[in-house]
Amino acid sequence: MLTELLHLLNGLLGQLLVPLLLIAGVWFTFKLKAIQFFHFAHMFKVMKNSRVTDGHGISSFQALCTSLAARVGTGNLMGVAVAISIGGPGAIFWMWLIALLGMATAFAESTLAQLYKEQNQQGNYRGGPAYYMLKGLKSPAMALVFSICLFIGYGIVFSTPQAYTIAEAFNYSYGIEPIITGVVLTTLAGIIVMGGMKKIASFSEMVVPFMGVAYFLVALWVILTNLEQIPGVLKDIVFSALGLQEAGAGMLGMAMMQGIRRGLYSNEAGLGSVPHAAAAASPNPPHPVSQGYVQMSGVFFDTIVLCTCTAMIILLSGIELGQTFGIQLTQQALENQVGFWGSDFIALAIFFFGFTSIVANYAYAENALPFLKMNNKWGRIAFLLIFLSMIFYGSIATLGEVLGLADLAVALMTIINVSAIVLMTKTLVTLAKDYNEHIDRGEIPHFVASPEQEQQMNLTPGIWQRDNPLHNTQASTDRN
């Protein structure tokens, strides 16, 4: 009954979610003058000095790695496999489309999160959608509802598919019982997350680049050894997506739905999760928009690069689709390409991808605690126990339950968050214009809010007034 209810709710929300995401992506692409295309090179230029911080927040690079830790998870390996199994090769086309449009949406939500951030009792930055809903829209109700969804999604649900996939991969490769994997995952996660945001960011900064590059190189080897098949695979992706193949019309809707859902679940653009990492950063250059550029690149790396790697491994393997599902499809596909070690490599990759997602989920969900009146000793203990118990549950759950709950949480959070950032388009466009005017004048972009602006925009007092040491650091670095 639970599975049937989840299917019903996901079906209803899915009918709203798909057009909402597409419209939002087109809207921000238009209002920001196709920023993800015309400023594509600048997006990487901002990364040059992204490891510098003012001491109050994590660096922009750490914020990117933390967001990638959450993004680059089991969705890149299991989610892509599920999408292709159900929706066919055409699902990949719709993943690409939602990522390209989603880059503008990711820019919007991360920029706003930076603008409306505040400092906690330890002097560290924090923020996210609930903060720009409360401050920018002056809507405590919207902030509370989003925080409830955030707590349910990232504090309870989203770690379960990661744990499930890790357990399944290790069971397939090594015969390890899921309950054993669950105990190990829960213990390791507890050790990391109790160190707080800075420890999570440091862990992500160390692991994410390594695992991403390793997976990319293996996929690149598969592609290079099958170059003659690439034109045919690309043709299948496009023709299947547009319903131009035999029996393609009936698969068109399924390919679109699966591609968009898995693309969203993977890159999280518009979901409202990544802004929590973005708000915790000290942006360099010291302007809210610079963090928007950094997080926009995360969507590109996650979906256009890594999800495509998984798609190519599967579609070049020769495995008949529909016979194997989930992470086992990715494991068998790589085995067909590189031999016996392919399954072991995927098992290790899914461990690192999934585990970093789990610890990043905790960092995101923490931001809901102040709005739920749980930002105290006992509230945090209760949250930690709930979070860790759901990791263990995910290791022994069924795929249908796990994905159904995850999809429902994604839909609810996305609808609330996208509505909020669309309502704040005017503020966003003003910030982007201010940043680009600095660039056009050959200046280092910086944002300093006057007392009048603080009051008018309802910003946290002092956050954008103090002299920022990043001004001098950036200028010195550029001269050198």
Protein backbone atom coordinates (compact mmCIF):
# COMPACT_ATOMS: atom_id res chain seq x y z
CA MET A 1 0.00 0.00 0.00
CA LEU A 2 2.87 2.36 0.81
CA THR A 3 4.47 1.74 -2.58
CA GLU A 4 1.15 2.32 -4.36
CA LEU A 5 0.59 5.57 -2.47
CA LEU A 6 4.08 6.76 -3.34
CA HIS A 7 3.47 5.97 -7.02
CA LEU A 8 0.21 7.93 -6.93
CA LEU A 9 1.73 11.00 -5.26
CA ASN A 10 4.82 10.93 -7.46
CA GLY A 11 2.62 10.68 -10.53
CA LEU A 12 0.60 13.74 -9.52
CA LEU A 13 3.61 15.81 -8.49
CA GLY A 14 5.62 14.61 -11.48
CA GLN A 15 3.05 16.12 -13.83
CA LEU A 16 3.69 19.47 -12.18
CA LEU A 17 7.43 19.07 -11.61
CA VAL A 18 8.52 18.44 -15.21
CA PRO A 19 7.00 21.58 -16.75
CA LEU A 20 7.97 23.62 -13.66
CA LEU A 21 11.66 22.75 -14.05
CA LEU A 22 11.67 23.36 -17.78
CA ILE A 23 9.88 26.70 -17.42
CA ALA A 24 12.19 27.76 -14.57
CA GLY A 25 15.29 26.83 -16.58
CA VAL A 26 14.06 28.76 -19.61
CA TRP A 27 13.00 31.69 -17.40
CA PHE A 28 16.39 32.10 -15.73
CA THR A 29 18.26 31.46 -18.98
CA PHE A 30 16.26 34.34 -20.51
CA LYS A 31 16.41 36.73 -17.54
CA LEU A 32 20.16 36.12 -17.01
CA LYS A 33 20.86 36.44 -20.76
CA ALA A 34 21.95 32.81 -21.27
CA ILE A 35 24.64 33.16 -18.63
CA GLN A 36 25.53 29.46 -18.72
CA PHE A 37 26.49 29.75 -22.40
CA PHE A 38 27.91 33.26 -22.86
CA HIS A 39 29.80 33.23 -19.54
CA PHE A 40 30.85 29.59 -19.74
CA ALA A 41 34.59 30.41 -19.77
CA HIS A 42 34.24 32.89 -16.91
CA MET A 43 32.67 30.12 -14.83
CA PHE A 44 36.04 28.33 -14.85
CA LYS A 45 38.03 31.56 -14.39
CA VAL A 46 36.29 32.17 -11.06
CA MET A 47 37.63 28.80 -9.88
CA LYS A 48 41.24 30.07 -10.14
CA ASN A 49 41.33 31.58 -6.66
CA SER A 50 38.47 29.60 -5.15
CA ARG A 51 40.56 28.04 -2.37
CA VAL A 52 41.03 31.37 -0.57
CA THR A 53 38.79 32.11 2.43
CA ASP A 54 38.32 34.95 4.92
CA GLY A 55 38.19 32.55 7.88
CA HIS A 56 34.46 32.91 8.55
CA GLY A 57 33.40 30.35 5.98
CA ILE A 58 34.67 27.44 3.98
CA SER A 59 36.37 28.25 0.68
CA SER A 60 34.42 28.41 -2.57
CA PHE A 61 36.25 25.27 -3.71
CA GLN A 62 35.28 23.43 -0.52
CA ALA A 63 31.68 24.55 -1.04
CA LEU A 64 31.83 23.17 -4.58
CA CYS A 65 33.30 19.88 -3.38
CA THR A 66 30.66 19.62 -0.66
CA SER A 67 27.88 20.22 -3.17
CA LEU A 68 29.49 17.76 -5.58
CA ALA A 69 29.74 15.26 -2.74
CA ALA A 70 25.95 15.40 -2.52
CA ARG A 71 25.40 15.63 -6.27
CA VAL A 72 27.94 13.02 -7.37
CA GLY A 73 26.33 10.08 -5.65
CA THR A 74 24.51 6.94 -6.57
CA GLY A 75 22.36 8.89 -9.02
CA ASN A 76 25.38 9.11 -11.33
CA LEU A 77 25.74 5.31 -11.43
CA MET A 78 22.47 3.71 -10.30
CA GLY A 79 20.12 6.55 -11.28
CA VAL A 80 21.44 6.75 -14.83
CA ALA A 81 21.17 2.96 -15.15
CA VAL A 82 17.55 3.02 -13.95
CA ALA A 83 16.70 5.87 -16.33
CA ILE A 84 18.17 4.04 -19.33
CA SER A 85 16.55 0.72 -18.34
CA ILE A 86 13.07 2.26 -18.14
CA GLY A 87 13.23 5.18 -20.55
CA GLY A 88 15.77 3.91 -23.08
CA PRO A 89 18.78 5.82 -24.47
CA GLY A 90 16.57 8.88 -25.01
CA ALA A 91 16.54 9.52 -21.26
CA ILE A 92 20.14 10.75 -21.57
CA PHE A 93 19.10 13.52 -23.98
CA TRP A 94 16.60 14.84 -21.47
CA MET A 95 19.24 14.62 -18.73
CA TRP A 96 21.49 16.85 -20.83
CA LEU A 97 18.69 19.32 -21.51
CA ILE A 98 17.66 19.64 -17.87
CA ALA A 99 21.33 20.11 -16.92
CA LEU A 100 21.95 22.90 -19.45
CA LEU A 101 18.82 24.73 -18.34
CA GLY A 102 19.48 23.80 -14.74
CA MET A 103 22.85 25.57 -14.77
CA ALA A 104 21.00 28.91 -14.81
CA THR A 105 18.68 27.74 -12.03
CA ALA A 106 21.65 26.60 -9.93
CA PHE A 107 23.28 30.01 -10.47
CA ALA A 108 20.12 31.73 -9.23
CA GLU A 109 19.60 29.75 -6.02
CA SER A 110 23.28 29.79 -4.98
CA THR A 111 23.64 33.52 -5.58
CA LEU A 112 20.58 34.27 -3.46
CA ALA A 113 21.83 31.95 -0.71
CA GLN A 114 25.10 33.90 -0.57
CA LEU A 115 23.29 37.22 -0.43
CA TYR A 116 21.04 36.25 2.50
CA LYS A 117 23.53 34.22 4.55
CA GLU A 118 24.19 34.89 8.24
CA GLN A 119 26.69 33.83 10.91
CA ASN A 120 26.06 31.22 13.58
CA GLN A 121 27.26 31.34 17.18
CA GLN A 122 30.69 30.02 16.16
CA GLY A 123 31.12 32.84 13.64
CA ASN A 124 30.71 30.58 10.60
CA TYR A 125 28.45 31.37 7.66
CA ARG A 126 25.19 29.50 7.11
CA GLY A 127 22.13 29.97 4.94
CA GLY A 128 20.00 28.44 2.23
CA PRO A 129 16.51 28.66 0.72
CA ALA A 130 14.73 29.00 4.07
CA TYR A 131 16.86 32.06 4.80
CA TYR A 132 16.12 33.84 1.50
CA MET A 133 12.45 32.91 1.87
CA LEU A 134 12.40 34.39 5.37
CA LYS A 135 14.51 37.49 4.61
CA GLY A 136 14.01 38.14 0.90
CA LEU A 137 10.34 37.16 0.61
CA LYS A 138 9.51 37.84 4.26
CA SER A 139 7.61 34.57 4.35
CA PRO A 140 8.14 32.61 7.59
CA ALA A 141 5.50 30.11 6.47
CA MET A 142 7.34 29.25 3.25
CA ALA A 143 10.64 29.00 5.17
CA LEU A 144 9.10 26.61 7.68
CA VAL A 145 7.47 24.37 5.07
CA PHE A 146 10.72 24.18 3.11
CA SER A 147 12.67 23.37 6.28
CA ILE A 148 10.28 20.52 7.06
CA CYS A 149 10.81 19.14 3.54
CA LEU A 150 14.57 19.63 3.88
CA PHE A 151 14.61 17.75 7.17
CA ILE A 152 12.51 14.90 5.78
CA GLY A 153 14.44 14.81 2.51
CA TYR A 154 18.06 15.17 3.58
CA GLY A 155 17.76 14.23 7.22
CA ILE A 156 15.65 11.12 6.65
CA VAL A 157 15.17 10.02 3.04
CA PHE A 158 18.07 10.90 0.77
CA SER A 159 20.72 8.83 2.50
CA THR A 160 18.66 5.66 2.07
CA PRO A 161 19.16 5.27 -1.72
CA GLN A 162 22.89 5.92 -1.26
CA ALA A 163 23.14 3.24 1.46
CA TYR A 164 20.95 0.84 -0.54
CA THR A 165 23.11 1.12 -3.65
CA ILE A 166 26.37 0.71 -1.73
CA ALA A 167 25.01 -2.39 0.01
CA GLU A 168 23.75 -3.86 -3.27
CA ALA A 169 27.05 -3.21 -5.05
CA PHE A 170 29.11 -4.86 -2.29
CA ASN A 171 26.71 -7.79 -2.12
CA TYR A 172 26.97 -8.31 -5.89
CA SER A 173 30.79 -7.99 -5.99
CA TYR A 174 31.88 -9.53 -2.69
CA GLY A 175 28.85 -11.34 -1.26
CA ILE A 176 28.79 -9.07 1.80
CA GLU A 177 25.43 -9.10 3.56
CA PRO A 178 23.61 -5.72 3.40
CA ILE A 179 23.20 -5.63 7.18
CA ILE A 180 27.00 -5.70 7.62
CA THR A 181 27.46 -2.91 5.08
CA GLY A 182 24.77 -0.94 6.88
CA VAL A 183 26.56 -1.16 10.24
CA VAL A 184 29.89 -0.06 8.72
CA LEU A 185 28.32 2.85 6.80
CA THR A 186 26.41 4.07 9.84
CA THR A 187 29.52 4.00 12.02
CA LEU A 188 31.75 5.81 9.50
CA ALA A 189 29.09 8.44 8.79
CA GLY A 190 28.67 9.12 12.51
CA ILE A 191 32.41 9.75 12.90
CA ILE A 192 32.50 12.28 10.03
CA VAL A 193 29.28 14.24 10.56
CA MET A 194 29.90 14.87 14.25
CA GLY A 195 32.80 17.09 13.18
CA GLY A 196 30.43 19.64 11.66
CA MET A 197 30.41 21.53 8.35
CA LYS A 198 34.13 22.30 8.22
CA LYS A 199 35.12 18.65 8.74
CA ILE A 200 32.59 17.56 6.12
CA ALA A 201 33.95 20.18 3.70
CA SER A 202 37.57 19.10 4.31
CA PHE A 203 36.63 15.45 3.78
CA SER A 204 34.78 16.31 0.55
CA GLU A 205 37.68 18.45 -0.72
CA MET A 206 40.00 15.46 -0.31
CA VAL A 207 37.79 12.69 -1.73
CA VAL A 208 35.57 14.24 -4.42
CA PRO A 209 38.25 15.37 -6.94
CA PHE A 210 40.06 12.02 -6.64
CA MET A 211 36.99 9.86 -7.19
CA GLY A 212 35.63 12.08 -9.96
CA VAL A 213 38.86 12.03 -11.98
CA ALA A 214 39.31 8.26 -11.52
CA TYR A 215 35.80 7.51 -12.77
CA PHE A 216 36.19 9.91 -15.70
CA LEU A 217 39.47 8.28 -16.81
CA VAL A 218 37.96 4.78 -16.75
CA ALA A 219 34.96 5.96 -18.77
CA LEU A 220 37.27 7.79 -21.20
CA TRP A 221 39.16 4.54 -21.77
CA VAL A 222 35.88 2.77 -22.59
CA ILE A 223 34.94 5.53 -25.03
CA LEU A 224 38.35 5.57 -26.76
CA THR A 225 38.31 1.79 -27.25
CA ASN A 226 34.83 2.01 -28.84
CA LEU A 227 35.15 5.17 -30.92
CA GLU A 228 33.55 3.57 -33.97
CA GLN A 229 30.33 3.01 -32.01
CA ILE A 230 29.99 6.58 -30.70
CA PRO A 231 28.09 8.02 -33.72
CA GLY A 232 25.53 5.20 -33.49
CA VAL A 233 25.09 5.65 -29.74
CA LEU A 234 24.57 9.40 -30.12
CA LYS A 235 22.04 8.77 -32.89
CA ASP A 236 20.15 6.34 -30.64
CA ILE A 237 20.08 8.89 -27.82
CA VAL A 238 18.67 11.70 -29.99
CA PHE A 239 16.26 9.59 -32.05
CA SER A 240 14.94 7.78 -28.99
CA ALA A 241 14.49 11.07 -27.12
CA LEU A 242 12.43 12.55 -29.93
CA GLY A 243 10.38 9.40 -30.59
CA LEU A 244 11.86 8.91 -34.06
CA GLN A 245 12.75 5.24 -33.65
CA GLU A 246 10.48 2.25 -34.15
CA ALA A 247 7.88 2.22 -31.38
CA GLY A 248 9.56 5.41 -30.25
CA ALA A 249 6.40 7.47 -29.84
CA GLY A 250 5.27 5.29 -26.95
CA MET A 251 8.65 5.66 -25.25
CA LEU A 252 8.88 9.43 -25.68
CA GLY A 253 7.01 10.29 -22.49
CA MET A 254 8.83 7.64 -20.48
CA ALA A 255 12.25 8.79 -21.72
CA MET A 256 11.44 12.41 -20.94
CA MET A 257 10.13 11.65 -17.45
CA GLN A 258 13.00 9.36 -16.51
CA GLY A 259 15.67 11.64 -17.95
CA ILE A 260 14.38 14.74 -16.19
CA ARG A 261 13.80 12.97 -12.87
CA ARG A 262 17.19 11.29 -12.82
CA GLY A 263 18.89 14.47 -14.09
CA LEU A 264 17.31 16.47 -11.28
CA TYR A 265 18.06 13.83 -8.66
CA SER A 266 21.68 13.85 -9.78
CA ASN A 267 22.53 17.53 -10.37
CA GLU A 268 19.99 18.93 -7.85
CA ALA A 269 19.55 22.21 -9.77
CA GLY A 270 16.50 23.96 -8.37
CA LEU A 271 16.05 21.45 -5.59
CA GLY A 272 17.23 23.87 -2.91
CA SER A 273 19.99 21.67 -1.49
CA VAL A 274 23.18 23.14 -2.97
CA PRO A 275 22.44 26.68 -1.68
CA HIS A 276 23.26 25.44 1.83
CA ALA A 277 26.85 24.72 0.80
CA ALA A 278 26.99 27.93 -1.27
CA ALA A 279 25.90 30.07 1.69
CA ALA A 280 28.60 28.58 3.93
CA ALA A 281 31.38 29.83 1.64
CA SER A 282 33.53 32.96 1.65
CA PRO A 283 33.17 33.86 -2.06
CA ASN A 284 36.22 34.94 -4.03
CA PRO A 285 35.80 37.49 -5.63
CA PRO A 286 33.79 38.78 -2.63
CA HIS A 287 30.44 39.04 -4.40
CA PRO A 288 27.37 36.76 -4.12
CA VAL A 289 27.40 36.16 -7.87
CA SER A 290 30.87 34.56 -7.83
CA GLN A 291 29.48 31.67 -5.78
CA GLY A 292 26.67 31.37 -8.31
CA TYR A 293 29.27 30.78 -11.02
CA VAL A 294 31.10 28.19 -8.91
CA GLN A 295 27.96 26.19 -8.20
CA MET A 296 26.82 26.48 -11.82
CA SER A 297 29.95 24.54 -12.78
CA GLY A 298 28.89 21.77 -10.39
CA VAL A 299 25.86 20.97 -12.57
CA PHE A 300 28.12 20.76 -15.62
CA PHE A 301 30.61 18.41 -13.97
CA ASP A 302 27.91 16.24 -12.43
CA THR A 303 25.53 15.67 -15.32
CA ILE A 304 27.20 16.68 -18.57
CA VAL A 305 30.47 14.94 -17.61
CA LEU A 306 29.94 12.16 -15.02
CA CYS A 307 26.39 11.06 -15.85
CA THR A 308 27.40 10.91 -19.50
CA CYS A 309 30.33 8.68 -18.50
CA THR A 310 27.92 6.16 -16.97
CA ALA A 311 25.60 6.37 -19.98
CA MET A 312 28.45 5.63 -22.38
CA ILE A 313 29.70 2.70 -20.28
CA ILE A 314 26.21 1.15 -20.42
CA LEU A 315 25.30 1.97 -24.03
CA LEU A 316 28.67 0.81 -25.40
CA SER A 317 28.60 -2.47 -23.46
CA GLY A 318 26.21 -4.35 -25.75
CA ILE A 319 24.00 -5.43 -22.82
CA GLU A 320 20.34 -5.75 -23.72
CA LEU A 321 18.38 -3.13 -21.80
CA GLY A 322 15.55 -4.26 -19.57
CA GLN A 323 17.24 -7.46 -18.38
CA THR A 324 19.25 -5.97 -15.50
CA PHE A 325 18.41 -2.93 -13.39
CA GLY A 326 20.08 -0.56 -10.96
CA ILE A 327 23.73 -0.60 -10.03
CA GLN A 328 24.18 -4.17 -11.28
CA LEU A 329 23.58 -2.93 -14.83
CA THR A 330 26.47 -0.47 -14.50
CA GLN A 331 28.69 -3.13 -12.94
CA GLN A 332 27.95 -5.70 -15.67
CA ALA A 333 28.41 -3.07 -18.38
CA LEU A 334 31.89 -2.15 -17.18
CA GLU A 335 32.79 -5.82 -16.72
CA ASN A 336 31.97 -6.34 -20.41
CA GLN A 337 34.36 -3.53 -21.32
CA VAL A 338 37.40 -3.99 -19.06
CA GLY A 339 37.12 -7.47 -17.59
CA PHE A 340 36.66 -8.90 -14.11
CA TRP A 341 37.87 -5.81 -12.23
CA GLY A 342 35.09 -3.65 -13.68
CA SER A 343 32.57 -4.80 -11.09
CA ASP A 344 35.02 -4.19 -8.24
CA PHE A 345 35.82 -0.71 -9.54
CA ILE A 346 32.13 0.24 -9.67
CA ALA A 347 31.64 -1.15 -6.15
CA LEU A 348 34.46 1.06 -4.85
CA ALA A 349 33.28 4.06 -6.86
CA ILE A 350 29.75 3.69 -5.56
CA PHE A 351 31.10 3.51 -2.01
CA PHE A 352 32.99 6.79 -2.33
CA PHE A 353 30.25 8.49 -4.38
CA GLY A 354 27.50 7.32 -2.05
CA PHE A 355 29.33 7.87 1.23
CA THR A 356 30.33 11.45 0.44
CA SER A 357 26.70 12.11 -0.51
CA ILE A 358 25.56 10.76 2.83
CA VAL A 359 27.80 13.06 4.88
CA ALA A 360 26.91 16.07 2.70
CA ASN A 361 23.22 15.31 3.28
CA TYR A 362 23.78 15.77 7.01
CA ALA A 363 25.38 19.19 6.44
CA TYR A 364 22.38 20.28 4.38
CA ALA A 365 19.74 18.99 6.81
CA GLU A 366 21.41 20.77 9.74
CA ASN A 367 20.21 24.06 8.29
CA ALA A 368 16.61 23.07 8.97
CA LEU A 369 17.15 22.73 12.74
CA PRO A 370 16.82 26.46 13.67
CA PHE A 371 13.47 26.68 11.86
CA LEU A 372 12.20 23.49 13.53
CA LYS A 373 13.24 24.68 17.02
CA MET A 374 15.76 21.81 17.19
CA ASN A 375 18.95 23.90 17.25
CA ASN A 376 19.82 22.78 20.77
CA LYS A 377 21.63 19.87 22.44
CA TRP A 378 18.71 17.44 22.56
CA GLY A 379 17.38 18.44 19.18
CA ARG A 380 20.75 17.76 17.56
CA ILE A 381 21.08 14.41 19.33
CA ALA A 382 17.61 13.39 18.10
CA PHE A 383 18.49 14.51 14.57
CA LEU A 384 21.77 12.56 14.61
CA LEU A 385 20.02 9.37 15.78
CA ILE A 386 17.31 9.69 13.12
CA PHE A 387 19.87 10.38 10.39
CA LEU A 388 22.10 7.43 11.29
CA SER A 389 19.18 5.01 11.71
CA MET A 390 17.95 5.83 8.19
CA ILE A 391 21.38 5.01 6.75
CA PHE A 392 21.08 1.56 8.29
CA TYR A 393 17.48 1.22 7.05
CA GLY A 394 18.53 2.14 3.51
CA SER A 395 21.03 -0.72 3.45
CA ILE A 396 18.25 -3.31 3.86
CA ALA A 397 15.32 -1.53 2.12
CA THR A 398 13.84 -2.37 -1.28
CA LEU A 399 14.57 -0.32 -4.40
CA GLY A 400 10.93 0.69 -4.97
CA GLU A 401 10.48 2.09 -1.48
CA VAL A 402 13.78 3.95 -1.56
CA LEU A 403 13.35 5.61 -4.94
CA GLY A 404 9.68 6.36 -4.31
CA LEU A 405 10.44 8.26 -1.11
CA ALA A 406 13.38 10.07 -2.70
CA ASP A 407 11.33 11.19 -5.71
CA LEU A 408 8.54 12.50 -3.47
CA ALA A 409 10.94 14.55 -1.35
CA VAL A 410 12.65 15.92 -4.48
CA ALA A 411 9.33 17.05 -5.92
CA LEU A 412 8.13 18.83 -2.77
CA MET A 413 11.41 20.67 -2.16
CA THR A 414 11.77 21.68 -5.79
CA ILE A 415 8.28 23.12 -6.13
CA ILE A 416 8.73 25.31 -3.03
CA ASN A 417 12.27 26.42 -3.88
CA VAL A 418 11.67 27.18 -7.55
CA SER A 419 8.61 29.24 -6.63
CA ALA A 420 10.75 31.29 -4.23
CA ILE A 421 13.65 32.03 -6.58
CA VAL A 422 11.29 32.96 -9.42
CA LEU A 423 9.64 35.49 -7.09
CA MET A 424 13.11 36.92 -6.36
CA THR A 425 14.16 37.31 -9.99
CA LYS A 426 14.45 41.11 -9.74
CA THR A 427 17.01 40.88 -6.93
CA LEU A 428 18.94 38.22 -8.81
CA VAL A 429 19.11 40.24 -12.03
CA THR A 430 20.29 43.30 -10.08
CA LEU A 431 23.14 41.31 -8.53
CA ALA A 432 24.22 39.82 -11.87
CA LYS A 433 24.18 43.27 -13.48
CA ASP A 434 26.29 44.71 -10.65
CA TYR A 435 28.85 41.91 -10.98
CA ASN A 436 29.13 42.27 -14.75
CA GLU A 437 29.53 46.04 -14.51
CA HIS A 438 32.62 45.47 -12.35
CA ILE A 439 33.96 43.04 -14.96
CA ASP A 440 33.27 45.47 -17.82
CA ARG A 441 35.22 48.19 -15.99
CA GLY A 442 38.15 45.83 -15.46
CA GLU A 443 37.57 45.75 -11.70
CA ILE A 444 37.53 42.90 -9.24
CA PRO A 445 33.82 42.32 -8.47
CA HIS A 446 32.88 43.11 -4.90
CA PHE A 447 29.59 43.69 -3.16
CA VAL A 448 29.25 46.12 -0.24
CA ALA A 449 25.75 46.88 1.02
CA SER A 450 24.99 50.27 2.50
CA PRO A 451 22.83 50.46 5.64
CA GLU A 452 19.97 51.56 3.42
CA GLN A 453 20.43 48.55 1.15
CA GLU A 454 20.59 46.23 4.14
CA GLN A 455 17.28 47.54 5.36
CA GLN A 456 15.65 47.62 1.94
CA MET A 457 16.76 44.08 1.00
CA ASN A 458 16.43 42.77 4.58
CA LEU A 459 20.04 41.51 4.62
CA THR A 460 21.79 40.24 7.72
CA PRO A 461 23.38 43.33 9.32
CA GLY A 462 27.13 43.58 8.79
CA ILE A 463 27.56 40.54 6.53
CA TRP A 464 28.18 42.69 3.44
CA GLN A 465 29.46 45.83 5.18
CA ARG A 466 32.71 44.78 6.83
CA ASP A 467 36.05 45.17 5.06
CA ASN A 468 36.62 41.83 3.41
CA PRO A 469 40.28 40.65 3.35
CA LEU A 470 39.48 38.78 0.15
CA HIS A 471 39.52 42.14 -1.70
CA ASN A 472 43.25 42.57 -1.13
CA THR A 473 43.99 38.83 -1.47
CA GLN A 474 42.26 38.68 -4.86
CA ALA A 475 43.93 41.85 -6.12
CA SER A 476 47.38 40.62 -5.05
CA THR A 477 46.83 37.22 -6.64
CA ASP A 478 45.67 38.77 -9.94
CA ARG A 479 48.73 41.07 -10.09
CA ASN A 480 50.99 38.09 -9.54
